[in-house]
Amino acid sequence: MSSIERITAIAVRMLVKRGVNTIPAAGDNLRDAGLTSLDMVNLMLAIEGEFDIEVPQSAMTPENFDTVAAIANLVSVTAKAA
């Protein structure tokens, strides 16, 4: 399973908890799709657990978690830096 697919699966699980039954495309804004600010924090934690990485404080920006594609890029950069 690719990083995009793994991240999408996490986002879909969180959206379903919000009653949203859509699968976001890689470029779709996750807040617009239905995730709240608290969901975004939980998404970051889930991503760290899924990929066994620690997102640096400096990378914990809304832009890095806006879309599945942005998260996949962050995961790639963070994993290479480890």
PDB file of N, CA and C in Angstrom:
ATOM      1  N   MET A   1       0.849  -1.181   0.000  1.00  0.00           N
ATOM      2  CA  MET A   1       0.000   0.000   0.000  1.00  0.00           C
ATOM      3  C   MET A   1       0.892   1.241   0.000  1.00  0.00           C
ATOM      4  N   SER A   2       0.591   2.188  -0.865  1.00  0.00           N
ATOM      5  CA  SER A   2       1.406   3.406  -0.969  1.00  0.00           C
ATOM      6  C   SER A   2       1.153   4.346   0.216  1.00  0.00           C
ATOM      7  N   SER A   3       2.042   5.311   0.370  1.00  0.00           N
ATOM      8  CA  SER A   3       1.860   6.321   1.428  1.00  0.00           C
ATOM      9  C   SER A   3       0.547   7.054   1.250  1.00  0.00           C
ATOM     10  N   ILE A   4       0.238   7.425   0.003  1.00  0.00           N
ATOM     11  CA  ILE A   4      -1.017   8.142  -0.278  1.00  0.00           C
ATOM     12  C   ILE A   4      -2.209   7.297   0.171  1.00  0.00           C
ATOM     13  N   GLU A   5      -2.190   6.007  -0.150  1.00  0.00           N
ATOM     14  CA  GLU A   5      -3.305   5.124   0.235  1.00  0.00           C
ATOM     15  C   GLU A   5      -3.402   4.985   1.745  1.00  0.00           C
ATOM     16  N   ARG A   6      -2.272   4.867   2.409  1.00  0.00           N
ATOM     17  CA  ARG A   6      -2.278   4.735   3.873  1.00  0.00           C
ATOM     18  C   ARG A   6      -2.806   6.014   4.537  1.00  0.00           C
ATOM     19  N   ILE A   7      -2.366   7.164   4.050  1.00  0.00           N
ATOM     20  CA  ILE A   7      -2.817   8.448   4.610  1.00  0.00           C
ATOM     21  C   ILE A   7      -4.300   8.653   4.316  1.00  0.00           C
ATOM     22  N   THR A   8      -4.718   8.318   3.108  1.00  0.00           N
ATOM     23  CA  THR A   8      -6.136   8.441   2.749  1.00  0.00           C
ATOM     24  C   THR A   8      -6.989   7.572   3.658  1.00  0.00           C
ATOM     25  N   ALA A   9      -6.535   6.355   3.939  1.00  0.00           N
ATOM     26  CA  ALA A   9      -7.295   5.453   4.808  1.00  0.00           C
ATOM     27  C   ALA A   9      -7.465   6.051   6.206  1.00  0.00           C
ATOM     28  N   ILE A  10      -6.425   6.670   6.736  1.00  0.00           N
ATOM     29  CA  ILE A  10      -6.513   7.318   8.051  1.00  0.00           C
ATOM     30  C   ILE A  10      -7.517   8.469   7.992  1.00  0.00           C
ATOM     31  N   ALA A  11      -7.409   9.292   6.953  1.00  0.00           N
ATOM     32  CA  ALA A  11      -8.323  10.433   6.816  1.00  0.00           C
ATOM     33  C   ALA A  11      -9.764   9.969   6.676  1.00  0.00           C
ATOM     34  N   VAL A  12      -9.985   8.919   5.907  1.00  0.00           N
ATOM     35  CA  VAL A  12     -11.349   8.398   5.713  1.00  0.00           C
ATOM     36  C   VAL A  12     -11.917   7.905   7.044  1.00  0.00           C
ATOM     37  N   ARG A  13     -11.108   7.208   7.834  1.00  0.00           N
ATOM     38  CA  ARG A  13     -11.594   6.739   9.151  1.00  0.00           C
ATOM     39  C   ARG A  13     -12.024   7.921  10.011  1.00  0.00           C
ATOM     40  N   MET A  14     -11.256   8.988   9.972  1.00  0.00           N
ATOM     41  CA  MET A  14     -11.598  10.167  10.778  1.00  0.00           C
ATOM     42  C   MET A  14     -12.840  10.863  10.233  1.00  0.00           C
ATOM     43  N   LEU A  15     -12.959  10.944   8.915  1.00  0.00           N
ATOM     44  CA  LEU A  15     -14.142  11.566   8.312  1.00  0.00           C
ATOM     45  C   LEU A  15     -15.402  10.765   8.616  1.00  0.00           C
ATOM     46  N   VAL A  16     -15.304   9.453   8.585  1.00  0.00           N
ATOM     47  CA  VAL A  16     -16.465   8.603   8.888  1.00  0.00           C
ATOM     48  C   VAL A  16     -16.961   8.869  10.305  1.00  0.00           C
ATOM     49  N   LYS A  17     -16.032   9.081  11.247  1.00  0.00           N
ATOM     50  CA  LYS A  17     -16.428   9.413  12.626  1.00  0.00           C
ATOM     51  C   LYS A  17     -17.209  10.720  12.675  1.00  0.00           C
ATOM     52  N   ARG A  18     -16.982  11.599  11.703  1.00  0.00           N
ATOM     53  CA  ARG A  18     -17.697  12.879  11.612  1.00  0.00           C
ATOM     54  C   ARG A  18     -18.969  12.750  10.782  1.00  0.00           C
ATOM     55  N   GLY A  19     -19.249  11.535  10.293  1.00  0.00           N
ATOM     56  CA  GLY A  19     -20.453  11.327   9.493  1.00  0.00           C
ATOM     57  C   GLY A  19     -20.276  11.698   8.028  1.00  0.00           C
ATOM     58  N   VAL A  20     -19.027  11.848   7.611  1.00  0.00           N
ATOM     59  CA  VAL A  20     -18.729  12.194   6.220  1.00  0.00           C
ATOM     60  C   VAL A  20     -18.284  10.923   5.505  1.00  0.00           C
ATOM     61  N   ASN A  21     -19.021  10.546   4.475  1.00  0.00           N
ATOM     62  CA  ASN A  21     -18.718   9.297   3.779  1.00  0.00           C
ATOM     63  C   ASN A  21     -18.140   9.550   2.394  1.00  0.00           C
ATOM     64  N   THR A  22     -17.133  10.402   2.328  1.00  0.00           N
ATOM     65  CA  THR A  22     -16.461  10.651   1.057  1.00  0.00           C
ATOM     66  C   THR A  22     -14.991  10.274   1.202  1.00  0.00           C
ATOM     67  N   ILE A  23     -14.382   9.950   0.095  1.00  0.00           N
ATOM     68  CA  ILE A  23     -12.957   9.648   0.078  1.00  0.00           C
ATOM     69  C   ILE A  23     -12.261  10.848  -0.551  1.00  0.00           C
ATOM     70  N   PRO A  24     -11.443  11.544   0.239  1.00  0.00           N
ATOM     71  CA  PRO A  24     -10.793  12.733  -0.310  1.00  0.00           C
ATOM     72  C   PRO A  24      -9.739  12.359  -1.354  1.00  0.00           C
ATOM     73  N   ALA A  25      -9.687  13.127  -2.427  1.00  0.00           N
ATOM     74  CA  ALA A  25      -8.610  12.970  -3.402  1.00  0.00           C
ATOM     75  C   ALA A  25      -7.334  13.540  -2.783  1.00  0.00           C
ATOM     76  N   ALA A  26      -6.208  13.207  -3.362  1.00  0.00           N
ATOM     77  CA  ALA A  26      -4.918  13.623  -2.805  1.00  0.00           C
ATOM     78  C   ALA A  26      -4.813  15.137  -2.638  1.00  0.00           C
ATOM     79  N   GLY A  27      -5.480  15.897  -3.509  1.00  0.00           N
ATOM     80  CA  GLY A  27      -5.389  17.352  -3.443  1.00  0.00           C
ATOM     81  C   GLY A  27      -6.528  18.046  -2.737  1.00  0.00           C
ATOM     82  N   ASP A  28      -7.479  17.276  -2.202  1.00  0.00           N
ATOM     83  CA  ASP A  28      -8.629  17.877  -1.517  1.00  0.00           C
ATOM     84  C   ASP A  28      -8.231  18.389  -0.141  1.00  0.00           C
ATOM     85  N   ASN A  29      -8.719  19.573   0.214  1.00  0.00           N
ATOM     86  CA  ASN A  29      -8.466  20.134   1.536  1.00  0.00           C
ATOM     87  C   ASN A  29      -9.238  19.326   2.568  1.00  0.00           C
ATOM     88  N   LEU A  30      -8.523  18.805   3.568  1.00  0.00           N
ATOM     89  CA  LEU A  30      -9.150  17.921   4.555  1.00  0.00           C
ATOM     90  C   LEU A  30     -10.072  18.674   5.514  1.00  0.00           C
ATOM     91  N   ARG A  31      -9.790  19.939   5.766  1.00  0.00           N
ATOM     92  CA  ARG A  31     -10.703  20.732   6.605  1.00  0.00           C
ATOM     93  C   ARG A  31     -12.016  20.959   5.862  1.00  0.00           C
ATOM     94  N   ASP A  32     -11.901  21.282   4.577  1.00  0.00           N
ATOM     95  CA  ASP A  32     -13.102  21.468   3.761  1.00  0.00           C
ATOM     96  C   ASP A  32     -13.895  20.169   3.664  1.00  0.00           C
ATOM     97  N   ALA A  33     -13.194  19.041   3.724  1.00  0.00           N
ATOM     98  CA  ALA A  33     -13.859  17.736   3.652  1.00  0.00           C
ATOM     99  C   ALA A  33     -14.624  17.423   4.937  1.00  0.00           C
ATOM    100  N   GLY A  34     -14.253  18.081   6.063  1.00  0.00           N
ATOM    101  CA  GLY A  34     -15.005  17.874   7.295  1.00  0.00           C
ATOM    102  C   GLY A  34     -14.200  17.650   8.555  1.00  0.00           C
ATOM    103  N   LEU A  35     -12.872  17.677   8.467  1.00  0.00           N
ATOM    104  CA  LEU A  35     -12.072  17.484   9.675  1.00  0.00           C
ATOM    105  C   LEU A  35     -11.959  18.788  10.459  1.00  0.00           C
ATOM    106  N   THR A  36     -12.025  18.673  11.786  1.00  0.00           N
ATOM    107  CA  THR A  36     -11.912  19.832  12.678  1.00  0.00           C
ATOM    108  C   THR A  36     -10.450  20.038  13.078  1.00  0.00           C
ATOM    109  N   SER A  37     -10.189  21.102  13.792  1.00  0.00           N
ATOM    110  CA  SER A  37      -8.831  21.367  14.285  1.00  0.00           C
ATOM    111  C   SER A  37      -8.343  20.232  15.179  1.00  0.00           C
ATOM    112  N   LEU A  38      -9.206  19.738  16.048  1.00  0.00           N
ATOM    113  CA  LEU A  38      -8.832  18.611  16.908  1.00  0.00           C
ATOM    114  C   LEU A  38      -8.563  17.364  16.075  1.00  0.00           C
ATOM    115  N   ASP A  39      -9.372  17.154  15.042  1.00  0.00           N
ATOM    116  CA  ASP A  39      -9.130  16.025  14.139  1.00  0.00           C
ATOM    117  C   ASP A  39      -7.751  16.136  13.499  1.00  0.00           C
ATOM    118  N   MET A  40      -7.352  17.349  13.162  1.00  0.00           N
ATOM    119  CA  MET A  40      -6.061  17.536  12.512  1.00  0.00           C
ATOM    120  C   MET A  40      -4.919  17.152  13.451  1.00  0.00           C
ATOM    121  N   VAL A  41      -5.059  17.458  14.734  1.00  0.00           N
ATOM    122  CA  VAL A  41      -4.052  17.042  15.720  1.00  0.00           C
ATOM    123  C   VAL A  41      -4.025  15.516  15.791  1.00  0.00           C
ATOM    124  N   ASN A  42      -5.194  14.907  15.862  1.00  0.00           N
ATOM    125  CA  ASN A  42      -5.260  13.453  15.909  1.00  0.00           C
ATOM    126  C   ASN A  42      -4.739  12.822  14.623  1.00  0.00           C
ATOM    127  N   LEU A  43      -4.963  13.490  13.502  1.00  0.00           N
ATOM    128  CA  LEU A  43      -4.437  13.017  12.227  1.00  0.00           C
ATOM    129  C   LEU A  43      -2.911  13.017  12.264  1.00  0.00           C
ATOM    130  N   MET A  44      -2.326  14.079  12.775  1.00  0.00           N
ATOM    131  CA  MET A  44      -0.877  14.146  12.875  1.00  0.00           C
ATOM    132  C   MET A  44      -0.337  13.005  13.735  1.00  0.00           C
ATOM    133  N   LEU A  45      -0.974  12.763  14.870  1.00  0.00           N
ATOM    134  CA  LEU A  45      -0.543  11.677  15.748  1.00  0.00           C
ATOM    135  C   LEU A  45      -0.695  10.321  15.075  1.00  0.00           C
ATOM    136  N   ALA A  46      -1.789  10.134  14.340  1.00  0.00           N
ATOM    137  CA  ALA A  46      -2.016   8.882  13.628  1.00  0.00           C
ATOM    138  C   ALA A  46      -0.973   8.673  12.533  1.00  0.00           C
ATOM    139  N   ILE A  47      -0.605   9.750  11.857  1.00  0.00           N
ATOM    140  CA  ILE A  47       0.413   9.668  10.810  1.00  0.00           C
ATOM    141  C   ILE A  47       1.758   9.293  11.428  1.00  0.00           C
ATOM    142  N   GLU A  48       2.095   9.907  12.543  1.00  0.00           N
ATOM    143  CA  GLU A  48       3.349   9.567  13.220  1.00  0.00           C
ATOM    144  C   GLU A  48       3.379   8.089  13.589  1.00  0.00           C
ATOM    145  N   GLY A  49       2.258   7.583  14.107  1.00  0.00           N
ATOM    146  CA  GLY A  49       2.189   6.176  14.484  1.00  0.00           C
ATOM    147  C   GLY A  49       2.233   5.247  13.282  1.00  0.00           C
ATOM    148  N   GLU A  50       1.511   5.588  12.243  1.00  0.00           N
ATOM    149  CA  GLU A  50       1.440   4.751  11.037  1.00  0.00           C
ATOM    150  C   GLU A  50       2.790   4.607  10.356  1.00  0.00           C
ATOM    151  N   PHE A  51       3.540   5.703  10.309  1.00  0.00           N
ATOM    152  CA  PHE A  51       4.807   5.695   9.573  1.00  0.00           C
ATOM    153  C   PHE A  51       6.031   5.630  10.489  1.00  0.00           C
ATOM    154  N   ASP A  52       5.800   5.521  11.798  1.00  0.00           N
ATOM    155  CA  ASP A  52       6.881   5.435  12.785  1.00  0.00           C
ATOM    156  C   ASP A  52       7.879   6.577  12.600  1.00  0.00           C
ATOM    157  N   ILE A  53       7.315   7.791  12.566  1.00  0.00           N
ATOM    158  CA  ILE A  53       8.127   9.001  12.438  1.00  0.00           C
ATOM    159  C   ILE A  53       7.727   9.979  13.533  1.00  0.00           C
ATOM    160  N   GLU A  54       8.550  10.989  13.725  1.00  0.00           N
ATOM    161  CA  GLU A  54       8.186  12.095  14.615  1.00  0.00           C
ATOM    162  C   GLU A  54       8.246  13.369  13.790  1.00  0.00           C
ATOM    163  N   VAL A  55       7.097  13.998  13.644  1.00  0.00           N
ATOM    164  CA  VAL A  55       7.032  15.239  12.867  1.00  0.00           C
ATOM    165  C   VAL A  55       7.682  16.341  13.700  1.00  0.00           C
ATOM    166  N   PRO A  56       8.700  17.005  13.147  1.00  0.00           N
ATOM    167  CA  PRO A  56       9.347  18.086  13.897  1.00  0.00           C
ATOM    168  C   PRO A  56       8.368  19.226  14.176  1.00  0.00           C
ATOM    169  N   GLN A  57       8.546  19.860  15.310  1.00  0.00           N
ATOM    170  CA  GLN A  57       7.671  20.972  15.695  1.00  0.00           C
ATOM    171  C   GLN A  57       7.571  22.009  14.581  1.00  0.00           C
ATOM    172  N   SER A  58       8.681  22.286  13.926  1.00  0.00           N
ATOM    173  CA  SER A  58       8.694  23.303  12.871  1.00  0.00           C
ATOM    174  C   SER A  58       7.836  22.905  11.671  1.00  0.00           C
ATOM    175  N   ALA A  59       7.551  21.600  11.528  1.00  0.00           N
ATOM    176  CA  ALA A  59       6.755  21.115  10.398  1.00  0.00           C
ATOM    177  C   ALA A  59       5.279  20.954  10.748  1.00  0.00           C
ATOM    178  N   MET A  60       4.927  21.236  11.984  1.00  0.00           N
ATOM    179  CA  MET A  60       3.526  21.106  12.423  1.00  0.00           C
ATOM    180  C   MET A  60       2.755  22.359  12.036  1.00  0.00           C
ATOM    181  N   THR A  61       2.568  22.529  10.735  1.00  0.00           N
ATOM    182  CA  THR A  61       1.860  23.695  10.219  1.00  0.00           C
ATOM    183  C   THR A  61       0.595  23.241   9.506  1.00  0.00           C
ATOM    184  N   PRO A  62      -0.414  24.097   9.463  1.00  0.00           N
ATOM    185  CA  PRO A  62      -1.640  23.717   8.754  1.00  0.00           C
ATOM    186  C   PRO A  62      -1.379  23.331   7.298  1.00  0.00           C
ATOM    187  N   GLU A  63      -0.437  24.018   6.650  1.00  0.00           N
ATOM    188  CA  GLU A  63      -0.150  23.737   5.243  1.00  0.00           C
ATOM    189  C   GLU A  63       0.328  22.304   5.029  1.00  0.00           C
ATOM    190  N   ASN A  64       1.090  21.777   5.990  1.00  0.00           N
ATOM    191  CA  ASN A  64       1.612  20.412   5.856  1.00  0.00           C
ATOM    192  C   ASN A  64       0.547  19.348   6.063  1.00  0.00           C
ATOM    193  N   PHE A  65      -0.619  19.745   6.563  1.00  0.00           N
ATOM    194  CA  PHE A  65      -1.689  18.780   6.821  1.00  0.00           C
ATOM    195  C   PHE A  65      -2.982  19.132   6.080  1.00  0.00           C
ATOM    196  N   ASP A  66      -2.898  20.071   5.130  1.00  0.00           N
ATOM    197  CA  ASP A  66      -4.089  20.482   4.373  1.00  0.00           C
ATOM    198  C   ASP A  66      -4.644  19.378   3.497  1.00  0.00           C
ATOM    199  N   THR A  67      -3.756  18.627   2.860  1.00  0.00           N
ATOM    200  CA  THR A  67      -4.180  17.622   1.890  1.00  0.00           C
ATOM    201  C   THR A  67      -3.415  16.321   2.114  1.00  0.00           C
ATOM    202  N   VAL A  68      -3.940  15.244   1.566  1.00  0.00           N
ATOM    203  CA  VAL A  68      -3.245  13.960   1.632  1.00  0.00           C
ATOM    204  C   VAL A  68      -1.886  14.082   0.940  1.00  0.00           C
ATOM    205  N   ALA A  69      -1.834  14.789  -0.179  1.00  0.00           N
ATOM    206  CA  ALA A  69      -0.573  14.958  -0.906  1.00  0.00           C
ATOM    207  C   ALA A  69       0.459  15.710  -0.059  1.00  0.00           C
ATOM    208  N   ALA A  70       0.028  16.751   0.643  1.00  0.00           N
ATOM    209  CA  ALA A  70       0.949  17.508   1.500  1.00  0.00           C
ATOM    210  C   ALA A  70       1.471  16.632   2.632  1.00  0.00           C
ATOM    211  N   ILE A  71       0.600  15.812   3.196  1.00  0.00           N
ATOM    212  CA  ILE A  71       1.016  14.911   4.278  1.00  0.00           C
ATOM    213  C   ILE A  71       1.996  13.878   3.743  1.00  0.00           C
ATOM    214  N   ALA A  72       1.733  13.341   2.561  1.00  0.00           N
ATOM    215  CA  ALA A  72       2.635  12.349   1.959  1.00  0.00           C
ATOM    216  C   ALA A  72       4.021  12.955   1.735  1.00  0.00           C
ATOM    217  N   ASN A  73       4.062  14.204   1.284  1.00  0.00           N
ATOM    218  CA  ASN A  73       5.342  14.885   1.105  1.00  0.00           C
ATOM    219  C   ASN A  73       6.052  15.052   2.444  1.00  0.00           C
ATOM    220  N   LEU A  74       5.313  15.462   3.462  1.00  0.00           N
ATOM    221  CA  LEU A  74       5.880  15.632   4.798  1.00  0.00           C
ATOM    222  C   LEU A  74       6.429  14.309   5.320  1.00  0.00           C
ATOM    223  N   VAL A  75       5.684  13.226   5.134  1.00  0.00           N
ATOM    224  CA  VAL A  75       6.132  11.900   5.579  1.00  0.00           C
ATOM    225  C   VAL A  75       7.427  11.527   4.869  1.00  0.00           C
ATOM    226  N   SER A  76       7.493  11.770   3.576  1.00  0.00           N
ATOM    227  CA  SER A  76       8.686  11.434   2.799  1.00  0.00           C
ATOM    228  C   SER A  76       9.901  12.213   3.292  1.00  0.00           C
ATOM    229  N   VAL A  77       9.747  13.510   3.463  1.00  0.00           N
ATOM    230  CA  VAL A  77      10.846  14.360   3.923  1.00  0.00           C
ATOM    231  C   VAL A  77      11.267  13.983   5.338  1.00  0.00           C
ATOM    232  N   THR A  78      10.301  13.734   6.217  1.00  0.00           N
ATOM    233  CA  THR A  78      10.590  13.413   7.612  1.00  0.00           C
ATOM    234  C   THR A  78      11.286  12.053   7.715  1.00  0.00           C
ATOM    235  N   ALA A  79      10.832  11.087   6.932  1.00  0.00           N
ATOM    236  CA  ALA A  79      11.426   9.751   6.974  1.00  0.00           C
ATOM    237  C   ALA A  79      12.861   9.783   6.467  1.00  0.00           C
ATOM    238  N   LYS A  80      13.133  10.596   5.444  1.00  0.00           N
ATOM    239  CA  LYS A  80      14.495  10.700   4.892  1.00  0.00           C
ATOM    240  C   LYS A  80      15.429  11.377   5.879  1.00  0.00           C
ATOM    241  N   ALA A  81      14.890  12.295   6.683  1.00  0.00           N
ATOM    242  CA  ALA A  81      15.710  13.046   7.642  1.00  0.00           C
ATOM    243  C   ALA A  81      16.072  12.192   8.862  1.00  0.00           C
ATOM    244  N   ALA A  82      15.305  11.131   9.086  1.00  0.00           N
ATOM    245  CA  ALA A  82      15.518  10.299  10.285  1.00  0.00           C
ATOM    246  C   ALA A  82      16.752   9.422  10.146  1.00  0.00           C
TER     247      ALA A  82
END
